[in-house]
């Protein structure tokens, strides 16, 4: 009876990768179709001047936005603004990632450090980073340093909190096993803490990147001289509504690209973890 059942199981295992490939492409097509449907609906509502509860007749059409985007991409100012925003986000986020991981680990493992530094973080954490813009303008000698500091502050707390929670959630048996084998603190940090916190850490990095983009764009609108946020606000002040949507699209693409990069790095760094497809087999 077992021999009769073996061939169908083997055949099923051989077909499964093909089914998974078809499933992946189906999900991708659905996602692309949803975006295209949203764009088509936007063009339909704006081109026909639909005014229900929302006033689509006051917004530019997709064709007008596409024309403005093509014109804007051909200028040097567009790429200068884009590069400036990227430089600010990467600098602030990079510092937040480094300091957030270090302080998160120390808060999770050192009671003394938690007693000294923990209350300060909990007092400052609820304050929106964008509310610190006036303080940053007064504190730092240049607008550039102030915008980077706001970006850092926005990304720091999600990264620090996720790292701290990930450290505290580690099973104590892992550390006990390393110490039983003669390992010291550095061995525990290298073999237990750092690998164990990676899933939670990359979740915090993803959230931190999203919040950082919100704050850097807002800071550029308030006190910037260059950047995507500054150019978007300038377009609004001169009633260039297609230009406003060019800025919105650019912000969306930049945010999506940086978040996708973090997710890709996270998958590579945690490839040793079991995935959903593997656990469902």
C-alpha atoms as a PDB file:
ATOM      1  CA  UNK A   1       0.000   0.000   0.000  1.00  0.00           C
ATOM      2  CA  UNK A   2       2.862   2.356   0.834  1.00  0.00           C
ATOM      3  CA  UNK A   3       4.539   1.572  -2.474  1.00  0.00           C
ATOM      4  CA  UNK A   4       1.383   2.527  -4.336  1.00  0.00           C
ATOM      5  CA  UNK A   5       1.198   5.886  -2.563  1.00  0.00           C
ATOM      6  CA  UNK A   6       4.829   6.863  -3.086  1.00  0.00           C
ATOM      7  CA  UNK A   7       4.724   7.817  -6.814  1.00  0.00           C
ATOM      8  CA  UNK A   8       1.925  10.411  -6.473  1.00  0.00           C
ATOM      9  CA  UNK A   9       3.782  12.103  -3.592  1.00  0.00           C
ATOM     10  CA  UNK A  10       6.984  12.296  -5.603  1.00  0.00           C
ATOM     11  CA  UNK A  11       5.173  13.701  -8.619  1.00  0.00           C
ATOM     12  CA  UNK A  12       3.498  16.296  -6.444  1.00  0.00           C
ATOM     13  CA  UNK A  13       6.824  17.386  -5.046  1.00  0.00           C
ATOM     14  CA  UNK A  14       8.192  17.804  -8.583  1.00  0.00           C
ATOM     15  CA  UNK A  15       5.246  19.948  -9.711  1.00  0.00           C
ATOM     16  CA  UNK A  16       5.188  22.154  -6.641  1.00  0.00           C
ATOM     17  CA  UNK A  17       8.017  24.536  -7.732  1.00  0.00           C
ATOM     18  CA  UNK A  18       6.168  25.168 -10.997  1.00  0.00           C
ATOM     19  CA  UNK A  19       2.962  25.891  -9.125  1.00  0.00           C
ATOM     20  CA  UNK A  20       4.831  28.256  -6.845  1.00  0.00           C
ATOM     21  CA  UNK A  21       6.300  30.060  -9.874  1.00  0.00           C
ATOM     22  CA  UNK A  22       2.848  30.454 -11.399  1.00  0.00           C
ATOM     23  CA  UNK A  23       1.549  31.728  -8.067  1.00  0.00           C
ATOM     24  CA  UNK A  24       4.315  34.322  -7.817  1.00  0.00           C
ATOM     25  CA  UNK A  25       3.613  35.659 -11.298  1.00  0.00           C
ATOM     26  CA  UNK A  26      -0.114  35.713 -10.583  1.00  0.00           C
ATOM     27  CA  UNK A  27       0.443  37.828  -7.469  1.00  0.00           C
ATOM     28  CA  UNK A  28       2.696  40.192  -9.417  1.00  0.00           C
ATOM     29  CA  UNK A  29       0.153  40.605 -12.206  1.00  0.00           C
ATOM     30  CA  UNK A  30      -2.591  41.329  -9.684  1.00  0.00           C
ATOM     31  CA  UNK A  31      -0.452  44.012  -8.057  1.00  0.00           C
ATOM     32  CA  UNK A  32       0.400  45.638 -11.393  1.00  0.00           C
ATOM     33  CA  UNK A  33      -3.236  45.464 -12.455  1.00  0.00           C
ATOM     34  CA  UNK A  34      -4.371  47.158  -9.232  1.00  0.00           C
ATOM     35  CA  UNK A  35      -1.976  50.054  -9.821  1.00  0.00           C
ATOM     36  CA  UNK A  36      -3.029  50.421 -13.457  1.00  0.00           C
ATOM     37  CA  UNK A  37      -6.689  50.314 -12.438  1.00  0.00           C
ATOM     38  CA  UNK A  38      -6.121  53.108  -9.902  1.00  0.00           C
ATOM     39  CA  UNK A  39      -4.354  55.217 -12.543  1.00  0.00           C
ATOM     40  CA  UNK A  40      -7.151  54.590 -15.030  1.00  0.00           C
ATOM     41  CA  UNK A  41      -9.781  55.554 -12.473  1.00  0.00           C
ATOM     42  CA  UNK A  42      -7.877  58.762 -11.668  1.00  0.00           C
ATOM     43  CA  UNK A  43      -7.744  59.689 -15.359  1.00  0.00           C
ATOM     44  CA  UNK A  44     -11.448  58.927 -15.788  1.00  0.00           C
ATOM     45  CA  UNK A  45     -12.512  61.058 -12.823  1.00  0.00           C
ATOM     46  CA  UNK A  46     -10.248  64.032 -13.521  1.00  0.00           C
ATOM     47  CA  UNK A  47     -10.664  64.118 -17.313  1.00  0.00           C
ATOM     48  CA  UNK A  48     -14.457  64.175 -16.967  1.00  0.00           C
ATOM     49  CA  UNK A  49     -14.427  66.739 -14.163  1.00  0.00           C
ATOM     50  CA  UNK A  50     -16.321  64.548 -11.725  1.00  0.00           C
ATOM     51  CA  UNK A  51     -17.451  66.443  -8.635  1.00  0.00           C
ATOM     52  CA  UNK A  52     -19.220  64.317  -6.072  1.00  0.00           C
ATOM     53  CA  UNK A  53     -18.113  64.638  -2.479  1.00  0.00           C
ATOM     54  CA  UNK A  54     -14.502  65.000  -3.708  1.00  0.00           C
ATOM     55  CA  UNK A  55     -13.631  67.663  -6.283  1.00  0.00           C
ATOM     56  CA  UNK A  56     -11.731  65.772  -8.946  1.00  0.00           C
ATOM     57  CA  UNK A  57     -12.359  68.607 -11.419  1.00  0.00           C
ATOM     58  CA  UNK A  58      -9.740  70.716  -9.593  1.00  0.00           C
ATOM     59  CA  UNK A  59      -6.979  68.099  -9.929  1.00  0.00           C
ATOM     60  CA  UNK A  60      -4.670  67.508 -12.903  1.00  0.00           C
ATOM     61  CA  UNK A  61      -5.213  64.510 -15.146  1.00  0.00           C
ATOM     62  CA  UNK A  62      -2.796  61.625 -15.480  1.00  0.00           C
ATOM     63  CA  UNK A  63      -1.672  62.877 -18.887  1.00  0.00           C
ATOM     64  CA  UNK A  64      -0.901  66.335 -17.473  1.00  0.00           C
ATOM     65  CA  UNK A  65       1.056  64.811 -14.603  1.00  0.00           C
ATOM     66  CA  UNK A  66       2.965  62.523 -16.991  1.00  0.00           C
ATOM     67  CA  UNK A  67       3.875  65.489 -19.199  1.00  0.00           C
ATOM     68  CA  UNK A  68       5.053  67.493 -16.189  1.00  0.00           C
ATOM     69  CA  UNK A  69       7.071  64.519 -14.951  1.00  0.00           C
ATOM     70  CA  UNK A  70       8.774  64.070 -18.326  1.00  0.00           C
ATOM     71  CA  UNK A  71       9.655  67.777 -18.416  1.00  0.00           C
ATOM     72  CA  UNK A  72      10.874  67.798 -14.833  1.00  0.00           C
ATOM     73  CA  UNK A  73      13.061  64.721 -15.276  1.00  0.00           C
ATOM     74  CA  UNK A  74      14.878  66.487 -18.109  1.00  0.00           C
ATOM     75  CA  UNK A  75      16.058  69.304 -15.821  1.00  0.00           C
ATOM     76  CA  UNK A  76      19.129  69.298 -13.606  1.00  0.00           C
ATOM     77  CA  UNK A  77      17.176  70.770 -10.701  1.00  0.00           C
ATOM     78  CA  UNK A  78      15.063  67.631 -10.402  1.00  0.00           C
ATOM     79  CA  UNK A  79      18.077  65.374  -9.959  1.00  0.00           C
ATOM     80  CA  UNK A  80      19.744  67.854  -7.627  1.00  0.00           C
ATOM     81  CA  UNK A  81      16.664  67.879  -5.387  1.00  0.00           C
ATOM     82  CA  UNK A  82      16.427  64.099  -5.541  1.00  0.00           C
ATOM     83  CA  UNK A  83      20.097  63.656  -4.648  1.00  0.00           C
ATOM     84  CA  UNK A  84      19.842  66.136  -1.786  1.00  0.00           C
ATOM     85  CA  UNK A  85      16.859  64.332  -0.260  1.00  0.00           C
ATOM     86  CA  UNK A  86      18.591  60.974  -0.624  1.00  0.00           C
ATOM     87  CA  UNK A  87      21.742  62.321   1.014  1.00  0.00           C
ATOM     88  CA  UNK A  88      19.748  63.646   3.948  1.00  0.00           C
ATOM     89  CA  UNK A  89      17.734  60.464   4.412  1.00  0.00           C
ATOM     90  CA  UNK A  90      20.732  58.153   4.141  1.00  0.00           C
ATOM     91  CA  UNK A  91      22.801  60.235   6.553  1.00  0.00           C
ATOM     92  CA  UNK A  92      20.094  60.586   9.183  1.00  0.00           C
ATOM     93  CA  UNK A  93      18.838  57.030   8.806  1.00  0.00           C
ATOM     94  CA  UNK A  94      22.351  55.571   8.814  1.00  0.00           C
ATOM     95  CA  UNK A  95      23.197  57.312  12.078  1.00  0.00           C
ATOM     96  CA  UNK A  96      19.848  56.278  13.560  1.00  0.00           C
ATOM     97  CA  UNK A  97      20.394  52.650  12.562  1.00  0.00           C
ATOM     98  CA  UNK A  98      23.867  52.534  14.092  1.00  0.00           C
ATOM     99  CA  UNK A  99      23.058  54.321  17.337  1.00  0.00           C
ATOM    100  CA  UNK A 100      19.584  52.781  17.612  1.00  0.00           C
ATOM    101  CA  UNK A 101      20.898  49.210  17.418  1.00  0.00           C
ATOM    102  CA  UNK A 102      23.683  49.865  19.927  1.00  0.00           C
ATOM    103  CA  UNK A 103      21.471  51.620  22.473  1.00  0.00           C
ATOM    104  CA  UNK A 104      18.661  49.093  21.936  1.00  0.00           C
ATOM    105  CA  UNK A 105      21.000  46.212  22.756  1.00  0.00           C
ATOM    106  CA  UNK A 106      22.341  48.034  25.807  1.00  0.00           C
ATOM    107  CA  UNK A 107      18.840  48.848  27.035  1.00  0.00           C
ATOM    108  CA  UNK A 108      17.855  45.226  26.619  1.00  0.00           C
ATOM    109  CA  UNK A 109      20.879  43.750  28.368  1.00  0.00           C
ATOM    110  CA  UNK A 110      22.126  46.327  30.877  1.00  0.00           C
ATOM    111  CA  UNK A 111      19.921  47.209  33.842  1.00  0.00           C
ATOM    112  CA  UNK A 112      22.164  50.144  34.803  1.00  0.00           C
ATOM    113  CA  UNK A 113      22.060  51.613  31.300  1.00  0.00           C
ATOM    114  CA  UNK A 114      18.293  51.112  31.255  1.00  0.00           C
ATOM    115  CA  UNK A 115      17.897  52.944  34.564  1.00  0.00           C
ATOM    116  CA  UNK A 116      19.983  55.906  33.344  1.00  0.00           C
ATOM    117  CA  UNK A 117      19.001  56.189  29.698  1.00  0.00           C
ATOM    118  CA  UNK A 118      15.592  54.472  29.598  1.00  0.00           C
ATOM    119  CA  UNK A 119      13.516  57.208  31.264  1.00  0.00           C
ATOM    120  CA  UNK A 120      14.961  59.835  28.919  1.00  0.00           C
ATOM    121  CA  UNK A 121      14.010  57.840  25.831  1.00  0.00           C
ATOM    122  CA  UNK A 122      10.489  57.240  27.098  1.00  0.00           C
ATOM    123  CA  UNK A 123      10.028  60.964  27.772  1.00  0.00           C
ATOM    124  CA  UNK A 124      11.279  62.052  24.343  1.00  0.00           C
ATOM    125  CA  UNK A 125       9.835  59.189  22.263  1.00  0.00           C
ATOM    126  CA  UNK A 126       6.178  60.402  22.183  1.00  0.00           C
ATOM    127  CA  UNK A 127       7.224  63.808  20.797  1.00  0.00           C
ATOM    128  CA  UNK A 128       6.775  63.918  16.981  1.00  0.00           C
ATOM    129  CA  UNK A 129      10.084  64.599  15.289  1.00  0.00           C
ATOM    130  CA  UNK A 130       8.533  67.256  13.066  1.00  0.00           C
ATOM    131  CA  UNK A 131       7.581  69.211  16.215  1.00  0.00           C
ATOM    132  CA  UNK A 132      11.308  69.640  16.917  1.00  0.00           C
ATOM    133  CA  UNK A 133      11.873  71.646  13.700  1.00  0.00           C
ATOM    134  CA  UNK A 134      11.881  75.050  15.474  1.00  0.00           C
ATOM    135  CA  UNK A 135      14.348  73.711  18.061  1.00  0.00           C
ATOM    136  CA  UNK A 136      16.583  72.268  15.331  1.00  0.00           C
ATOM    137  CA  UNK A 137      16.609  75.614  13.510  1.00  0.00           C
ATOM    138  CA  UNK A 138      17.742  77.352  16.699  1.00  0.00           C
ATOM    139  CA  UNK A 139      20.158  74.645  17.832  1.00  0.00           C
ATOM    140  CA  UNK A 140      22.102  73.843  14.676  1.00  0.00           C
ATOM    141  CA  UNK A 141      24.177  76.367  12.733  1.00  0.00           C
ATOM    142  CA  UNK A 142      22.748  75.338   9.331  1.00  0.00           C
ATOM    143  CA  UNK A 143      19.425  74.167   7.952  1.00  0.00           C
ATOM    144  CA  UNK A 144      21.135  71.092   6.533  1.00  0.00           C
ATOM    145  CA  UNK A 145      22.287  69.872   9.940  1.00  0.00           C
ATOM    146  CA  UNK A 146      18.840  70.561  11.369  1.00  0.00           C
ATOM    147  CA  UNK A 147      17.064  68.498   8.697  1.00  0.00           C
ATOM    148  CA  UNK A 148      19.482  65.590   9.158  1.00  0.00           C
ATOM    149  CA  UNK A 149      18.963  65.722  12.929  1.00  0.00           C
ATOM    150  CA  UNK A 150      15.178  65.587  12.501  1.00  0.00           C
ATOM    151  CA  UNK A 151      15.548  62.623  10.142  1.00  0.00           C
ATOM    152  CA  UNK A 152      17.787  60.917  12.682  1.00  0.00           C
ATOM    153  CA  UNK A 153      15.332  61.522  15.505  1.00  0.00           C
ATOM    154  CA  UNK A 154      12.411  60.194  13.470  1.00  0.00           C
ATOM    155  CA  UNK A 155      14.161  56.938  12.563  1.00  0.00           C
ATOM    156  CA  UNK A 156      15.997  56.398  15.842  1.00  0.00           C
ATOM    157  CA  UNK A 157      13.112  55.516  18.143  1.00  0.00           C
ATOM    158  CA  UNK A 158      11.448  52.807  15.989  1.00  0.00           C
ATOM    159  CA  UNK A 159      14.838  51.164  15.501  1.00  0.00           C
ATOM    160  CA  UNK A 160      15.833  51.427  19.158  1.00  0.00           C
ATOM    161  CA  UNK A 161      12.502  50.151  20.479  1.00  0.00           C
ATOM    162  CA  UNK A 162      12.341  47.200  18.070  1.00  0.00           C
ATOM    163  CA  UNK A 163      15.925  46.253  18.919  1.00  0.00           C
ATOM    164  CA  UNK A 164      15.265  46.473  22.651  1.00  0.00           C
ATOM    165  CA  UNK A 165      12.152  44.303  22.407  1.00  0.00           C
ATOM    166  CA  UNK A 166      13.973  41.796  20.203  1.00  0.00           C
ATOM    167  CA  UNK A 167      16.798  41.493  22.742  1.00  0.00           C
ATOM    168  CA  UNK A 168      14.396  40.986  25.645  1.00  0.00           C
ATOM    169  CA  UNK A 169      12.452  38.361  23.682  1.00  0.00           C
ATOM    170  CA  UNK A 170      15.487  36.112  23.155  1.00  0.00           C
ATOM    171  CA  UNK A 171      15.158  32.738  24.923  1.00  0.00           C
ATOM    172  CA  UNK A 172      17.514  32.622  27.904  1.00  0.00           C
ATOM    173  CA  UNK A 173      18.380  29.033  27.077  1.00  0.00           C
ATOM    174  CA  UNK A 174      20.389  30.223  24.070  1.00  0.00           C
ATOM    175  CA  UNK A 175      22.657  32.352  26.240  1.00  0.00           C
ATOM    176  CA  UNK A 176      22.888  29.626  28.864  1.00  0.00           C
ATOM    177  CA  UNK A 177      24.024  27.161  26.209  1.00  0.00           C
ATOM    178  CA  UNK A 178      26.847  29.441  25.042  1.00  0.00           C
ATOM    179  CA  UNK A 179      27.982  30.137  28.577  1.00  0.00           C
ATOM    180  CA  UNK A 180      27.871  26.429  29.428  1.00  0.00           C
ATOM    181  CA  UNK A 181      30.288  25.818  26.577  1.00  0.00           C
ATOM    182  CA  UNK A 182      32.672  28.426  28.012  1.00  0.00           C
ATOM    183  CA  UNK A 183      31.599  31.448  26.000  1.00  0.00           C
ATOM    184  CA  UNK A 184      31.890  34.978  27.353  1.00  0.00           C
ATOM    185  CA  UNK A 185      29.913  38.158  26.799  1.00  0.00           C
ATOM    186  CA  UNK A 186      31.333  38.753  23.335  1.00  0.00           C
ATOM    187  CA  UNK A 187      30.498  35.189  22.343  1.00  0.00           C
ATOM    188  CA  UNK A 188      26.922  35.647  23.565  1.00  0.00           C
ATOM    189  CA  UNK A 189      26.664  38.928  21.674  1.00  0.00           C
ATOM    190  CA  UNK A 190      28.085  37.471  18.467  1.00  0.00           C
ATOM    191  CA  UNK A 191      26.427  34.055  18.503  1.00  0.00           C
ATOM    192  CA  UNK A 192      23.095  34.742  20.224  1.00  0.00           C
ATOM    193  CA  UNK A 193      22.109  38.400  20.414  1.00  0.00           C
ATOM    194  CA  UNK A 194      23.031  39.693  16.968  1.00  0.00           C
ATOM    195  CA  UNK A 195      21.606  36.764  14.967  1.00  0.00           C
ATOM    196  CA  UNK A 196      18.571  36.455  17.216  1.00  0.00           C
ATOM    197  CA  UNK A 197      17.426  40.069  16.924  1.00  0.00           C
ATOM    198  CA  UNK A 198      17.672  40.280  13.116  1.00  0.00           C
ATOM    199  CA  UNK A 199      13.966  39.638  12.335  1.00  0.00           C
ATOM    200  CA  UNK A 200      12.781  42.266  14.820  1.00  0.00           C
ATOM    201  CA  UNK A 201      15.593  44.628  13.900  1.00  0.00           C
ATOM    202  CA  UNK A 202      14.711  44.726  10.203  1.00  0.00           C
ATOM    203  CA  UNK A 203      11.089  45.328  11.104  1.00  0.00           C
ATOM    204  CA  UNK A 204      12.204  48.394  13.047  1.00  0.00           C
ATOM    205  CA  UNK A 205      14.452  49.506  10.196  1.00  0.00           C
ATOM    206  CA  UNK A 206      11.530  49.342   7.779  1.00  0.00           C
ATOM    207  CA  UNK A 207       9.290  51.389  10.073  1.00  0.00           C
ATOM    208  CA  UNK A 208      12.116  53.831  10.782  1.00  0.00           C
ATOM    209  CA  UNK A 209      12.727  54.420   7.080  1.00  0.00           C
ATOM    210  CA  UNK A 210       9.065  55.228   6.485  1.00  0.00           C
ATOM    211  CA  UNK A 211       8.913  57.690   9.376  1.00  0.00           C
ATOM    212  CA  UNK A 212      12.226  59.225   8.311  1.00  0.00           C
ATOM    213  CA  UNK A 213      10.852  59.996   4.838  1.00  0.00           C
ATOM    214  CA  UNK A 214       7.780  61.655   6.324  1.00  0.00           C
ATOM    215  CA  UNK A 215       9.906  63.903   8.506  1.00  0.00           C
ATOM    216  CA  UNK A 216      12.610  64.761   5.991  1.00  0.00           C
ATOM    217  CA  UNK A 217      10.016  65.844   3.423  1.00  0.00           C
ATOM    218  CA  UNK A 218       8.157  67.883   6.034  1.00  0.00           C
ATOM    219  CA  UNK A 219      11.393  69.499   7.222  1.00  0.00           C
ATOM    220  CA  UNK A 220      12.354  70.370   3.642  1.00  0.00           C
ATOM    221  CA  UNK A 221       8.989  72.043   3.145  1.00  0.00           C
ATOM    222  CA  UNK A 222       9.447  74.117   6.295  1.00  0.00           C
ATOM    223  CA  UNK A 223      13.127  75.071   6.339  1.00  0.00           C
ATOM    224  CA  UNK A 224      14.828  73.503   3.338  1.00  0.00           C
ATOM    225  CA  UNK A 225      16.562  75.122   0.409  1.00  0.00           C
ATOM    226  CA  UNK A 226      16.789  72.059  -1.785  1.00  0.00           C
ATOM    227  CA  UNK A 227      15.126  68.663  -1.865  1.00  0.00           C
ATOM    228  CA  UNK A 228      11.997  66.965  -3.132  1.00  0.00           C
ATOM    229  CA  UNK A 229       9.885  68.349  -0.293  1.00  0.00           C
ATOM    230  CA  UNK A 230      11.070  71.902  -0.959  1.00  0.00           C
ATOM    231  CA  UNK A 231      10.397  71.675  -4.708  1.00  0.00           C
ATOM    232  CA  UNK A 232       6.957  70.156  -4.081  1.00  0.00           C
ATOM    233  CA  UNK A 233       5.997  73.003  -1.764  1.00  0.00           C
ATOM    234  CA  UNK A 234       7.363  75.577  -4.201  1.00  0.00           C
ATOM    235  CA  UNK A 235       5.213  74.082  -6.954  1.00  0.00           C
ATOM    236  CA  UNK A 236       2.168  74.448  -4.715  1.00  0.00           C
ATOM    237  CA  UNK A 237       2.923  78.104  -3.942  1.00  0.00           C
ATOM    238  CA  UNK A 238       2.918  78.964  -7.675  1.00  0.00           C
ATOM    239  CA  UNK A 239      -0.230  76.842  -8.297  1.00  0.00           C
ATOM    240  CA  UNK A 240       1.695  74.301 -10.368  1.00  0.00           C
ATOM    241  CA  UNK A 241      -0.516  71.353  -9.424  1.00  0.00           C
ATOM    242  CA  UNK A 242       0.971  68.881 -11.920  1.00  0.00           C
ATOM    243  CA  UNK A 243       4.354  69.750 -10.388  1.00  0.00           C
ATOM    244  CA  UNK A 244       2.952  68.991  -6.947  1.00  0.00           C
ATOM    245  CA  UNK A 245       1.975  65.512  -8.086  1.00  0.00           C
ATOM    246  CA  UNK A 246       5.389  65.055  -9.693  1.00  0.00           C
ATOM    247  CA  UNK A 247       6.853  65.617  -6.237  1.00  0.00           C
ATOM    248  CA  UNK A 248       4.351  63.246  -4.642  1.00  0.00           C
ATOM    249  CA  UNK A 249       5.176  60.514  -7.160  1.00  0.00           C
ATOM    250  CA  UNK A 250       8.903  61.044  -6.638  1.00  0.00           C
ATOM    251  CA  UNK A 251       8.507  60.763  -2.871  1.00  0.00           C
ATOM    252  CA  UNK A 252       6.488  57.580  -3.289  1.00  0.00           C
ATOM    253  CA  UNK A 253       9.074  56.002  -5.583  1.00  0.00           C
ATOM    254  CA  UNK A 254      11.945  56.938  -3.269  1.00  0.00           C
ATOM    255  CA  UNK A 255      10.127  55.586  -0.217  1.00  0.00           C
ATOM    256  CA  UNK A 256       9.198  52.368  -1.989  1.00  0.00           C
ATOM    257  CA  UNK A 257      12.743  51.847  -3.279  1.00  0.00           C
ATOM    258  CA  UNK A 258      14.429  52.356   0.083  1.00  0.00           C
ATOM    259  CA  UNK A 259      11.879  50.158   1.876  1.00  0.00           C
ATOM    260  CA  UNK A 260      12.335  47.432  -0.753  1.00  0.00           C
ATOM    261  CA  UNK A 261      16.113  47.642  -0.316  1.00  0.00           C
ATOM    262  CA  UNK A 262      15.776  47.130   3.444  1.00  0.00           C
ATOM    263  CA  UNK A 263      13.424  44.198   2.902  1.00  0.00           C
ATOM    264  CA  UNK A 264      15.834  42.603   0.412  1.00  0.00           C
ATOM    265  CA  UNK A 265      18.788  42.994   2.776  1.00  0.00           C
ATOM    266  CA  UNK A 266      16.673  41.611   5.607  1.00  0.00           C
ATOM    267  CA  UNK A 267      15.767  38.519   3.610  1.00  0.00           C
ATOM    268  CA  UNK A 268      19.393  37.914   2.722  1.00  0.00           C
ATOM    269  CA  UNK A 269      20.495  38.389   6.326  1.00  0.00           C
ATOM    270  CA  UNK A 270      17.802  36.053   7.691  1.00  0.00           C
ATOM    271  CA  UNK A 271      17.836  33.412   4.967  1.00  0.00           C
ATOM    272  CA  UNK A 272      18.513  30.805   7.657  1.00  0.00           C
ATOM    273  CA  UNK A 273      15.018  31.344   9.079  1.00  0.00           C
ATOM    274  CA  UNK A 274      12.176  29.052   7.932  1.00  0.00           C
ATOM    275  CA  UNK A 275       9.797  30.765   5.513  1.00  0.00           C
ATOM    276  CA  UNK A 276       6.069  30.452   5.238  1.00  0.00           C
ATOM    277  CA  UNK A 277       6.245  28.212   2.146  1.00  0.00           C
ATOM    278  CA  UNK A 278       8.556  25.839   3.969  1.00  0.00           C
ATOM    279  CA  UNK A 279       6.448  25.590   7.115  1.00  0.00           C
ATOM    280  CA  UNK A 280       3.296  24.889   5.106  1.00  0.00           C
ATOM    281  CA  UNK A 281       4.754  21.887   3.346  1.00  0.00           C
END
